C-alpha atoms as a PDB file:
ATOM      1  CA  UNK A   1     126.155 257.175 185.992  1.00  0.00           C
ATOM      2  CA  UNK A   2     127.982 260.110 187.591  1.00  0.00           C
ATOM      3  CA  UNK A   3     124.718 261.865 188.349  1.00  0.00           C
ATOM      4  CA  UNK A   4     123.220 258.798 190.037  1.00  0.00           C
ATOM      5  CA  UNK A   5     126.435 258.247 191.968  1.00  0.00           C
ATOM      6  CA  UNK A   6     126.222 261.786 193.210  1.00  0.00           C
ATOM      7  CA  UNK A   7     122.678 261.082 194.409  1.00  0.00           C
ATOM      8  CA  UNK A   8     123.842 257.856 196.093  1.00  0.00           C
ATOM      9  CA  UNK A   9     126.710 259.701 197.787  1.00  0.00           C
ATOM     10  CA  UNK A  10     124.331 262.353 199.108  1.00  0.00           C
ATOM     11  CA  UNK A  11     121.937 259.628 200.291  1.00  0.00           C
ATOM     12  CA  UNK A  12     124.738 257.780 202.110  1.00  0.00           C
ATOM     13  CA  UNK A  13     125.842 261.004 203.794  1.00  0.00           C
ATOM     14  CA  UNK A  14     122.245 261.697 204.839  1.00  0.00           C
ATOM     15  CA  UNK A  15     121.856 258.176 206.223  1.00  0.00           C
ATOM     16  CA  UNK A  16     125.071 258.504 208.164  1.00  0.00           C
ATOM     17  CA  UNK A  17     123.868 261.827 209.516  1.00  0.00           C
ATOM     18  CA  UNK A  18     120.531 260.325 210.552  1.00  0.00           C
ATOM     19  CA  UNK A  19     122.217 257.318 212.179  1.00  0.00           C
ATOM     20  CA  UNK A  20     124.457 259.650 214.209  1.00  0.00           C
ATOM     21  CA  UNK A  21     121.526 261.500 215.734  1.00  0.00           C
ATOM     22  CA  UNK A  22     120.804 260.503 219.371  1.00  0.00           C
ATOM     23  CA  UNK A  23     117.529 262.459 219.520  1.00  0.00           C
ATOM     24  CA  UNK A  24     115.846 259.987 217.144  1.00  0.00           C
ATOM     25  CA  UNK A  25     114.621 256.493 217.902  1.00  0.00           C
ATOM     26  CA  UNK A  26     115.430 253.576 215.641  1.00  0.00           C
ATOM     27  CA  UNK A  27     111.913 253.760 214.263  1.00  0.00           C
ATOM     28  CA  UNK A  28     112.231 257.467 213.468  1.00  0.00           C
ATOM     29  CA  UNK A  29     115.620 256.864 211.845  1.00  0.00           C
ATOM     30  CA  UNK A  30     114.163 254.067 209.713  1.00  0.00           C
ATOM     31  CA  UNK A  31     111.297 256.309 208.628  1.00  0.00           C
ATOM     32  CA  UNK A  32     113.628 259.217 207.866  1.00  0.00           C
ATOM     33  CA  UNK A  33     116.002 257.041 205.820  1.00  0.00           C
ATOM     34  CA  UNK A  34     113.092 255.561 203.900  1.00  0.00           C
ATOM     35  CA  UNK A  35     111.932 259.089 203.136  1.00  0.00           C
ATOM     36  CA  UNK A  36     115.438 260.085 201.967  1.00  0.00           C
ATOM     37  CA  UNK A  37     115.640 256.892 199.890  1.00  0.00           C
ATOM     38  CA  UNK A  38     112.333 257.750 198.212  1.00  0.00           C
ATOM     39  CA  UNK A  39     113.639 261.222 197.382  1.00  0.00           C
ATOM     40  CA  UNK A  40     116.848 259.702 196.002  1.00  0.00           C
ATOM     41  CA  UNK A  41     114.909 257.184 193.895  1.00  0.00           C
ATOM     42  CA  UNK A  42     112.705 259.944 192.525  1.00  0.00           C
ATOM     43  CA  UNK A  43     115.813 261.955 191.634  1.00  0.00           C
ATOM     44  CA  UNK A  44     117.349 259.001 189.811  1.00  0.00           C
ATOM     45  CA  UNK A  45     114.108 258.453 187.896  1.00  0.00           C
ATOM     46  CA  UNK A  46     114.300 262.058 186.732  1.00  0.00           C
ATOM     47  CA  UNK A  47     117.894 261.476 185.679  1.00  0.00           C
ATOM     48  CA  UNK A  48     116.790 258.411 183.701  1.00  0.00           C
ATOM     49  CA  UNK A  49     114.123 260.517 181.961  1.00  0.00           C
ATOM     50  CA  UNK A  50     116.547 263.332 181.116  1.00  0.00           C
ATOM     51  CA  UNK A  51     117.689 263.476 177.477  1.00  0.00           C
ATOM     52  CA  UNK A  52     120.323 266.183 177.628  1.00  0.00           C
ATOM     53  CA  UNK A  53     123.292 266.870 179.798  1.00  0.00           C
ATOM     54  CA  UNK A  54     121.614 270.014 181.056  1.00  0.00           C
ATOM     55  CA  UNK A  55     118.509 268.067 182.119  1.00  0.00           C
ATOM     56  CA  UNK A  56     120.706 265.484 183.838  1.00  0.00           C
ATOM     57  CA  UNK A  57     122.603 268.178 185.721  1.00  0.00           C
ATOM     58  CA  UNK A  58     119.376 269.836 186.731  1.00  0.00           C
ATOM     59  CA  UNK A  59     117.841 266.539 187.978  1.00  0.00           C
ATOM     60  CA  UNK A  60     121.026 265.795 189.883  1.00  0.00           C
ATOM     61  CA  UNK A  61     121.084 269.251 191.505  1.00  0.00           C
ATOM     62  CA  UNK A  62     117.403 269.104 192.428  1.00  0.00           C
ATOM     63  CA  UNK A  63     117.714 265.553 193.733  1.00  0.00           C
ATOM     64  CA  UNK A  64     120.802 266.363 195.798  1.00  0.00           C
ATOM     65  CA  UNK A  65     119.005 269.335 197.342  1.00  0.00           C
ATOM     66  CA  UNK A  66     115.884 267.315 198.176  1.00  0.00           C
ATOM     67  CA  UNK A  67     117.811 264.462 199.793  1.00  0.00           C
ATOM     68  CA  UNK A  68     120.078 266.867 201.708  1.00  0.00           C
ATOM     69  CA  UNK A  69     117.065 268.766 203.011  1.00  0.00           C
ATOM     70  CA  UNK A  70     115.620 265.689 204.773  1.00  0.00           C
ATOM     71  CA  UNK A  71     115.588 266.690 208.452  1.00  0.00           C
ATOM     72  CA  UNK A  72     113.437 264.402 210.613  1.00  0.00           C
ATOM     73  CA  UNK A  73     112.007 265.995 213.784  1.00  0.00           C
ATOM     74  CA  UNK A  74     112.252 263.848 216.918  1.00  0.00           C
ATOM     75  CA  UNK A  75     108.875 263.064 218.440  1.00  0.00           C
ATOM     76  CA  UNK A  76     109.128 260.155 220.886  1.00  0.00           C
ATOM     77  CA  UNK A  77     111.958 261.518 223.050  1.00  0.00           C
ATOM     78  CA  UNK A  78     110.720 265.129 223.312  1.00  0.00           C
ATOM     79  CA  UNK A  79     107.239 263.911 224.223  1.00  0.00           C
ATOM     80  CA  UNK A  80     108.666 261.561 226.839  1.00  0.00           C
ATOM     81  CA  UNK A  81     110.795 264.336 228.300  1.00  0.00           C
ATOM     82  CA  UNK A  82     107.771 266.657 228.400  1.00  0.00           C
ATOM     83  CA  UNK A  83     105.864 263.999 230.343  1.00  0.00           C
ATOM     84  CA  UNK A  84     108.762 263.896 232.819  1.00  0.00           C
ATOM     85  CA  UNK A  85     108.800 267.698 233.098  1.00  0.00           C
ATOM     86  CA  UNK A  86     105.018 267.755 233.621  1.00  0.00           C
ATOM     87  CA  UNK A  87     105.331 265.151 236.385  1.00  0.00           C
ATOM     88  CA  UNK A  88     108.111 267.212 237.985  1.00  0.00           C
ATOM     89  CA  UNK A  89     106.042 270.422 237.894  1.00  0.00           C
ATOM     90  CA  UNK A  90     103.071 268.628 239.439  1.00  0.00           C
ATOM     91  CA  UNK A  91     105.322 267.208 242.164  1.00  0.00           C
ATOM     92  CA  UNK A  92     106.865 270.624 242.908  1.00  0.00           C
ATOM     93  CA  UNK A  93     103.388 272.188 243.157  1.00  0.00           C
ATOM     94  CA  UNK A  94     102.329 269.404 245.519  1.00  0.00           C
ATOM     95  CA  UNK A  95     105.432 269.954 247.677  1.00  0.00           C
ATOM     96  CA  UNK A  96     104.931 273.711 247.759  1.00  0.00           C
ATOM     97  CA  UNK A  97     101.323 273.226 248.924  1.00  0.00           C
ATOM     98  CA  UNK A  98     102.303 271.163 251.926  1.00  0.00           C
ATOM     99  CA  UNK A  99     102.116 273.069 255.217  1.00  0.00           C
ATOM    100  CA  UNK A 100     103.775 270.291 257.210  1.00  0.00           C
ATOM    101  CA  UNK A 101     107.125 270.923 255.496  1.00  0.00           C
ATOM    102  CA  UNK A 102     109.574 273.756 256.140  1.00  0.00           C
ATOM    103  CA  UNK A 103     111.072 275.733 253.284  1.00  0.00           C
ATOM    104  CA  UNK A 104     114.303 273.849 253.794  1.00  0.00           C
ATOM    105  CA  UNK A 105     112.514 270.493 253.570  1.00  0.00           C
ATOM    106  CA  UNK A 106     110.641 271.609 250.451  1.00  0.00           C
ATOM    107  CA  UNK A 107     113.904 272.634 248.765  1.00  0.00           C
ATOM    108  CA  UNK A 108     115.466 269.278 249.576  1.00  0.00           C
ATOM    109  CA  UNK A 109     112.418 267.370 248.340  1.00  0.00           C
ATOM    110  CA  UNK A 110     112.295 269.307 245.096  1.00  0.00           C
ATOM    111  CA  UNK A 111     116.007 268.666 244.567  1.00  0.00           C
ATOM    112  CA  UNK A 112     115.337 264.951 244.989  1.00  0.00           C
ATOM    113  CA  UNK A 113     112.475 265.089 242.487  1.00  0.00           C
ATOM    114  CA  UNK A 114     114.620 267.002 240.012  1.00  0.00           C
ATOM    115  CA  UNK A 115     117.432 264.476 240.324  1.00  0.00           C
ATOM    116  CA  UNK A 116     115.001 261.699 239.472  1.00  0.00           C
ATOM    117  CA  UNK A 117     113.589 263.689 236.558  1.00  0.00           C
ATOM    118  CA  UNK A 118     117.093 264.438 235.200  1.00  0.00           C
ATOM    119  CA  UNK A 119     118.046 260.779 235.524  1.00  0.00           C
ATOM    120  CA  UNK A 120     114.904 259.791 233.610  1.00  0.00           C
ATOM    121  CA  UNK A 121     115.640 262.259 230.784  1.00  0.00           C
ATOM    122  CA  UNK A 122     119.202 260.987 230.507  1.00  0.00           C
ATOM    123  CA  UNK A 123     117.824 257.454 230.259  1.00  0.00           C
ATOM    124  CA  UNK A 124     115.454 258.640 227.516  1.00  0.00           C
ATOM    125  CA  UNK A 125     118.446 260.099 225.653  1.00  0.00           C
ATOM    126  CA  UNK A 126     120.159 256.713 225.840  1.00  0.00           C
ATOM    127  CA  UNK A 127     117.085 254.748 224.702  1.00  0.00           C
ATOM    128  CA  UNK A 128     117.184 253.625 221.070  1.00  0.00           C
ATOM    129  CA  UNK A 129     113.668 252.341 220.356  1.00  0.00           C
ATOM    130  CA  UNK A 130     110.170 253.751 220.834  1.00  0.00           C
ATOM    131  CA  UNK A 131     109.442 250.962 223.298  1.00  0.00           C
ATOM    132  CA  UNK A 132     112.518 251.763 225.385  1.00  0.00           C
ATOM    133  CA  UNK A 133     111.580 255.442 225.411  1.00  0.00           C
ATOM    134  CA  UNK A 134     108.030 254.677 226.479  1.00  0.00           C
ATOM    135  CA  UNK A 135     109.146 252.355 229.263  1.00  0.00           C
ATOM    136  CA  UNK A 136     111.729 254.864 230.482  1.00  0.00           C
ATOM    137  CA  UNK A 137     109.049 257.567 230.523  1.00  0.00           C
ATOM    138  CA  UNK A 138     106.761 255.364 232.599  1.00  0.00           C
ATOM    139  CA  UNK A 139     109.565 254.502 235.046  1.00  0.00           C
ATOM    140  CA  UNK A 140     110.740 258.112 235.261  1.00  0.00           C
ATOM    141  CA  UNK A 141     107.319 259.632 235.906  1.00  0.00           C
ATOM    142  CA  UNK A 142     106.715 256.983 238.570  1.00  0.00           C
ATOM    143  CA  UNK A 143     110.031 257.813 240.269  1.00  0.00           C
ATOM    144  CA  UNK A 144     109.164 261.513 240.355  1.00  0.00           C
ATOM    145  CA  UNK A 145     105.624 260.921 241.590  1.00  0.00           C
ATOM    146  CA  UNK A 146     106.668 258.699 244.493  1.00  0.00           C
ATOM    147  CA  UNK A 147     108.822 261.438 246.036  1.00  0.00           C
ATOM    148  CA  UNK A 148     107.070 261.943 249.370  1.00  0.00           C
ATOM    149  CA  UNK A 149     109.149 263.920 251.851  1.00  0.00           C
ATOM    150  CA  UNK A 150     108.459 263.210 255.508  1.00  0.00           C
ATOM    151  CA  UNK A 151     108.136 266.288 257.725  1.00  0.00           C
ATOM    152  CA  UNK A 152     110.867 266.271 260.339  1.00  0.00           C
ATOM    153  CA  UNK A 153     111.208 269.742 261.876  1.00  0.00           C
ATOM    154  CA  UNK A 154     107.523 270.377 262.591  1.00  0.00           C
ATOM    155  CA  UNK A 155     106.855 266.829 263.724  1.00  0.00           C
ATOM    156  CA  UNK A 156     109.798 266.874 266.131  1.00  0.00           C
ATOM    157  CA  UNK A 157     108.800 270.310 267.466  1.00  0.00           C
ATOM    158  CA  UNK A 158     105.223 269.223 268.088  1.00  0.00           C
ATOM    159  CA  UNK A 159     106.400 266.059 269.767  1.00  0.00           C
ATOM    160  CA  UNK A 160     108.597 268.144 272.057  1.00  0.00           C
ATOM    161  CA  UNK A 161     105.560 270.299 272.961  1.00  0.00           C
ATOM    162  CA  UNK A 162     103.478 267.165 273.641  1.00  0.00           C
ATOM    163  CA  UNK A 163     106.174 265.738 275.875  1.00  0.00           C
ATOM    164  CA  UNK A 164     106.381 268.971 277.881  1.00  0.00           C
ATOM    165  CA  UNK A 165     102.584 269.025 278.152  1.00  0.00           C
ATOM    166  CA  UNK A 166     102.527 265.424 279.426  1.00  0.00           C
ATOM    167  CA  UNK A 167     105.194 266.222 282.001  1.00  0.00           C
ATOM    168  CA  UNK A 168     103.189 269.251 283.139  1.00  0.00           C
ATOM    169  CA  UNK A 169      99.965 267.220 283.394  1.00  0.00           C
ATOM    170  CA  UNK A 170     101.773 264.569 285.463  1.00  0.00           C
ATOM    171  CA  UNK A 171     103.149 267.297 287.707  1.00  0.00           C
ATOM    172  CA  UNK A 172      99.689 268.800 288.172  1.00  0.00           C
ATOM    173  CA  UNK A 173      98.102 265.398 288.869  1.00  0.00           C
ATOM    174  CA  UNK A 174     100.724 264.707 291.540  1.00  0.00           C
ATOM    175  CA  UNK A 175      99.892 267.850 293.487  1.00  0.00           C
ATOM    176  CA  UNK A 176      97.802 267.167 296.616  1.00  0.00           C
ATOM    177  CA  UNK A 177      97.212 270.861 297.285  1.00  0.00           C
ATOM    178  CA  UNK A 178      94.917 271.161 294.266  1.00  0.00           C
ATOM    179  CA  UNK A 179      91.334 269.956 293.918  1.00  0.00           C
ATOM    180  CA  UNK A 180      90.219 267.979 290.859  1.00  0.00           C
ATOM    181  CA  UNK A 181      88.540 271.102 289.500  1.00  0.00           C
ATOM    182  CA  UNK A 182      91.747 273.117 289.903  1.00  0.00           C
ATOM    183  CA  UNK A 183      93.738 270.377 288.221  1.00  0.00           C
ATOM    184  CA  UNK A 184      91.295 270.275 285.299  1.00  0.00           C
ATOM    185  CA  UNK A 185      91.508 274.047 284.939  1.00  0.00           C
ATOM    186  CA  UNK A 186      95.306 274.044 285.111  1.00  0.00           C
ATOM    187  CA  UNK A 187      95.629 271.241 282.556  1.00  0.00           C
ATOM    188  CA  UNK A 188      93.232 273.082 280.249  1.00  0.00           C
ATOM    189  CA  UNK A 189      95.454 276.153 280.533  1.00  0.00           C
ATOM    190  CA  UNK A 190      98.547 274.094 279.759  1.00  0.00           C
ATOM    191  CA  UNK A 191      96.829 272.432 276.802  1.00  0.00           C
ATOM    192  CA  UNK A 192      95.702 275.785 275.408  1.00  0.00           C
ATOM    193  CA  UNK A 193      99.296 276.993 275.517  1.00  0.00           C
ATOM    194  CA  UNK A 194     100.511 273.765 273.885  1.00  0.00           C
ATOM    195  CA  UNK A 195      97.869 274.007 271.168  1.00  0.00           C
ATOM    196  CA  UNK A 196      98.812 277.638 270.475  1.00  0.00           C
ATOM    197  CA  UNK A 197     102.460 276.585 270.147  1.00  0.00           C
ATOM    198  CA  UNK A 198     101.576 273.802 267.732  1.00  0.00           C
ATOM    199  CA  UNK A 199      99.450 276.171 265.667  1.00  0.00           C
ATOM    200  CA  UNK A 200     102.426 278.501 265.497  1.00  0.00           C
ATOM    201  CA  UNK A 201     104.590 275.585 264.354  1.00  0.00           C
ATOM    202  CA  UNK A 202     102.094 274.789 261.600  1.00  0.00           C
ATOM    203  CA  UNK A 203     102.221 278.382 260.379  1.00  0.00           C
ATOM    204  CA  UNK A 204     106.006 278.642 260.509  1.00  0.00           C
ATOM    205  CA  UNK A 205     107.836 278.243 257.229  1.00  0.00           C
ATOM    206  CA  UNK A 206     111.504 277.932 258.132  1.00  0.00           C
ATOM    207  CA  UNK A 207     113.473 275.799 260.612  1.00  0.00           C
ATOM    208  CA  UNK A 208     114.611 278.821 262.627  1.00  0.00           C
ATOM    209  CA  UNK A 209     111.031 279.963 263.205  1.00  0.00           C
ATOM    210  CA  UNK A 210     110.024 276.482 264.345  1.00  0.00           C
ATOM    211  CA  UNK A 211     112.926 276.287 266.796  1.00  0.00           C
ATOM    212  CA  UNK A 212     111.954 279.631 268.292  1.00  0.00           C
ATOM    213  CA  UNK A 213     108.265 278.734 268.558  1.00  0.00           C
ATOM    214  CA  UNK A 214     109.134 275.367 270.127  1.00  0.00           C
ATOM    215  CA  UNK A 215     111.357 277.139 272.669  1.00  0.00           C
ATOM    216  CA  UNK A 216     108.686 279.732 273.475  1.00  0.00           C
ATOM    217  CA  UNK A 217     105.893 277.141 273.629  1.00  0.00           C
ATOM    218  CA  UNK A 218     107.886 274.869 275.904  1.00  0.00           C
ATOM    219  CA  UNK A 219     108.521 277.796 278.262  1.00  0.00           C
ATOM    220  CA  UNK A 220     104.818 278.763 278.217  1.00  0.00           C
ATOM    221  CA  UNK A 221     103.653 275.219 279.094  1.00  0.00           C
ATOM    222  CA  UNK A 222     106.358 274.690 281.690  1.00  0.00           C
ATOM    223  CA  UNK A 223     105.493 277.990 283.403  1.00  0.00           C
ATOM    224  CA  UNK A 224     101.918 276.873 284.169  1.00  0.00           C
ATOM    225  CA  UNK A 225     101.869 276.829 287.983  1.00  0.00           C
ATOM    226  CA  UNK A 226      98.297 276.801 289.340  1.00  0.00           C
ATOM    227  CA  UNK A 227      97.684 278.370 292.728  1.00  0.00           C
ATOM    228  CA  UNK A 228      95.917 276.245 295.294  1.00  0.00           C
ATOM    229  CA  UNK A 229      92.794 278.257 296.123  1.00  0.00           C
ATOM    230  CA  UNK A 230      90.098 275.985 297.554  1.00  0.00           C
ATOM    231  CA  UNK A 231      92.285 274.143 300.091  1.00  0.00           C
ATOM    232  CA  UNK A 232      94.251 277.240 301.022  1.00  0.00           C
ATOM    233  CA  UNK A 233      91.105 279.257 301.690  1.00  0.00           C
ATOM    234  CA  UNK A 234      89.560 276.369 303.620  1.00  0.00           C
ATOM    235  CA  UNK A 235      92.652 276.053 305.830  1.00  0.00           C
ATOM    236  CA  UNK A 236      92.664 279.811 306.381  1.00  0.00           C
ATOM    237  CA  UNK A 237      89.040 279.564 307.513  1.00  0.00           C
ATOM    238  CA  UNK A 238      90.025 276.827 309.940  1.00  0.00           C
ATOM    239  CA  UNK A 239      92.950 278.941 311.240  1.00  0.00           C
ATOM    240  CA  UNK A 240      90.645 281.937 311.684  1.00  0.00           C
ATOM    241  CA  UNK A 241      88.142 279.804 313.577  1.00  0.00           C
ATOM    242  CA  UNK A 242      90.961 278.422 315.771  1.00  0.00           C
ATOM    243  CA  UNK A 243      92.290 281.929 316.449  1.00  0.00           C
ATOM    244  CA  UNK A 244      88.797 283.085 317.333  1.00  0.00           C
ATOM    245  CA  UNK A 245      88.345 280.086 319.611  1.00  0.00           C
ATOM    246  CA  UNK A 246      91.700 280.740 321.333  1.00  0.00           C
ATOM    247  CA  UNK A 247      90.760 284.357 321.899  1.00  0.00           C
ATOM    248  CA  UNK A 248      87.447 283.219 323.335  1.00  0.00           C
ATOM    249  CA  UNK A 249      89.203 280.758 325.677  1.00  0.00           C
ATOM    250  CA  UNK A 250      91.760 283.374 326.765  1.00  0.00           C
ATOM    251  CA  UNK A 251      88.964 285.780 327.579  1.00  0.00           C
ATOM    252  CA  UNK A 252      87.290 283.417 329.982  1.00  0.00           C
ATOM    253  CA  UNK A 253      87.968 284.237 333.600  1.00  0.00           C
ATOM    254  CA  UNK A 254      86.377 281.066 334.913  1.00  0.00           C
ATOM    255  CA  UNK A 255      89.185 278.927 333.521  1.00  0.00           C
ATOM    256  CA  UNK A 256      92.591 278.400 334.997  1.00  0.00           C
ATOM    257  CA  UNK A 257      95.666 278.727 332.821  1.00  0.00           C
ATOM    258  CA  UNK A 258      95.979 274.952 332.789  1.00  0.00           C
ATOM    259  CA  UNK A 259      92.354 274.529 331.680  1.00  0.00           C
ATOM    260  CA  UNK A 260      92.864 277.167 328.966  1.00  0.00           C
ATOM    261  CA  UNK A 261      95.979 275.359 327.711  1.00  0.00           C
ATOM    262  CA  UNK A 262      94.145 272.044 327.598  1.00  0.00           C
ATOM    263  CA  UNK A 263      91.191 273.619 325.802  1.00  0.00           C
ATOM    264  CA  UNK A 264      93.403 275.296 323.229  1.00  0.00           C
ATOM    265  CA  UNK A 265      95.234 272.044 322.644  1.00  0.00           C
ATOM    266  CA  UNK A 266      91.888 270.327 322.013  1.00  0.00           C
ATOM    267  CA  UNK A 267      90.880 273.094 319.623  1.00  0.00           C
ATOM    268  CA  UNK A 268      94.209 272.848 317.806  1.00  0.00           C
ATOM    269  CA  UNK A 269      93.907 269.083 317.510  1.00  0.00           C
ATOM    270  CA  UNK A 270      90.485 269.536 315.923  1.00  0.00           C
ATOM    271  CA  UNK A 271      91.919 272.239 313.625  1.00  0.00           C
ATOM    272  CA  UNK A 272      94.822 269.984 312.579  1.00  0.00           C
ATOM    273  CA  UNK A 273      92.383 267.132 311.933  1.00  0.00           C
ATOM    274  CA  UNK A 274      90.311 269.518 309.836  1.00  0.00           C
ATOM    275  CA  UNK A 275      93.322 270.529 307.737  1.00  0.00           C
ATOM    276  CA  UNK A 276      94.285 266.887 307.253  1.00  0.00           C
ATOM    277  CA  UNK A 277      90.737 266.178 306.022  1.00  0.00           C
ATOM    278  CA  UNK A 278      91.043 269.150 303.663  1.00  0.00           C
ATOM    279  CA  UNK A 279      94.365 267.802 302.341  1.00  0.00           C
ATOM    280  CA  UNK A 280      92.759 264.436 301.656  1.00  0.00           C
ATOM    281  CA  UNK A 281      89.751 265.964 299.879  1.00  0.00           C
ATOM    282  CA  UNK A 282      89.900 265.783 296.076  1.00  0.00           C
ATOM    283  CA  UNK A 283      87.016 267.942 294.947  1.00  0.00           C
ATOM    284  CA  UNK A 284      85.840 271.450 295.774  1.00  0.00           C
ATOM    285  CA  UNK A 285      82.667 269.981 297.278  1.00  0.00           C
ATOM    286  CA  UNK A 286      84.663 267.686 299.562  1.00  0.00           C
ATOM    287  CA  UNK A 287      86.881 270.636 300.643  1.00  0.00           C
ATOM    288  CA  UNK A 288      83.820 272.745 301.385  1.00  0.00           C
ATOM    289  CA  UNK A 289      82.257 269.923 303.372  1.00  0.00           C
ATOM    290  CA  UNK A 290      85.446 269.287 305.369  1.00  0.00           C
ATOM    291  CA  UNK A 291      85.764 272.985 306.092  1.00  0.00           C
ATOM    292  CA  UNK A 292      82.169 273.250 307.239  1.00  0.00           C
ATOM    293  CA  UNK A 293      82.342 270.133 309.424  1.00  0.00           C
ATOM    294  CA  UNK A 294      85.669 270.895 311.032  1.00  0.00           C
ATOM    295  CA  UNK A 295      84.923 274.582 311.576  1.00  0.00           C
ATOM    296  CA  UNK A 296      81.975 273.458 313.683  1.00  0.00           C
ATOM    297  CA  UNK A 297      84.234 271.014 315.497  1.00  0.00           C
ATOM    298  CA  UNK A 298      86.703 273.747 316.460  1.00  0.00           C
ATOM    299  CA  UNK A 299      83.924 276.213 317.277  1.00  0.00           C
ATOM    300  CA  UNK A 300      82.230 273.626 319.487  1.00  0.00           C
ATOM    301  CA  UNK A 301      85.181 273.385 321.909  1.00  0.00           C
ATOM    302  CA  UNK A 302      83.696 274.622 325.208  1.00  0.00           C
ATOM    303  CA  UNK A 303      85.865 273.728 328.210  1.00  0.00           C
ATOM    304  CA  UNK A 304      84.257 273.277 331.603  1.00  0.00           C
ATOM    305  CA  UNK A 305      85.575 275.339 334.484  1.00  0.00           C
ATOM    306  CA  UNK A 306      86.194 272.650 337.057  1.00  0.00           C
ATOM    307  CA  UNK A 307      88.904 273.949 339.353  1.00  0.00           C
ATOM    308  CA  UNK A 308      87.394 277.301 340.300  1.00  0.00           C
ATOM    309  CA  UNK A 309      83.837 275.930 340.648  1.00  0.00           C
ATOM    310  CA  UNK A 310      84.958 273.077 342.901  1.00  0.00           C
ATOM    311  CA  UNK A 311      86.978 275.393 345.107  1.00  0.00           C
END
């Protein structure tokens, strides 16, 4: 009886030890205790078969050792935690591969994912059944997978560049001293600078780099200031024609001063009308046509000498 009691005592201690373990599920505990019970029963059978005190002692010793050595390995919880860790690693790799996030945003996103993974593993530790562990694993992996950080720094920087570009385009469109072709060219230049800035933002990895690129890009786009060429050159041609006409009028000895003044005023009126037509023109072709037409108008001024002929 003493030998069997010793086996029962060892079995009870083993069962208590198994019940106290939080790394095992109820199902794993049940299986482990059944295994220990089987070992205890086998030991007691050996005790029953023993015929001498020595055989009884030996059966007791062996049985005690076998029951004590029962050490169930947790399966459900470690596997569930590994699934969480795998999901976390995959999420971290995904975050690291994203070019739309800064290093600071990646760090923050990975911290969020880790918090969710840690919470899931704590929930797994608290679970008591295989079903609870499985459900917690499913919920935890889902929580980790849905972490989807939104890019803030790069998006905001690109938006700032786009806003500056729009303002520059509006400014260019409002200029009456430029032809349509010059406006198109200037806006293409501004867009190229904006695109270069946004490419730089894409390549940047930290917030400080993005801020600097945004600042530089904004300055580059803002500094686009196209020179008016077609209209300026056309007006200069008109001015040169007017100057030539004035010189021609001044050189005429058949005109009185009053007739010269009247003629030059007529030529200037035609020149002013020409420049107004140039200002109204929107294309290079229209500017060229206005210049050609109005240059002829100014050149055609040919005052009659009335006073001296009549006298």
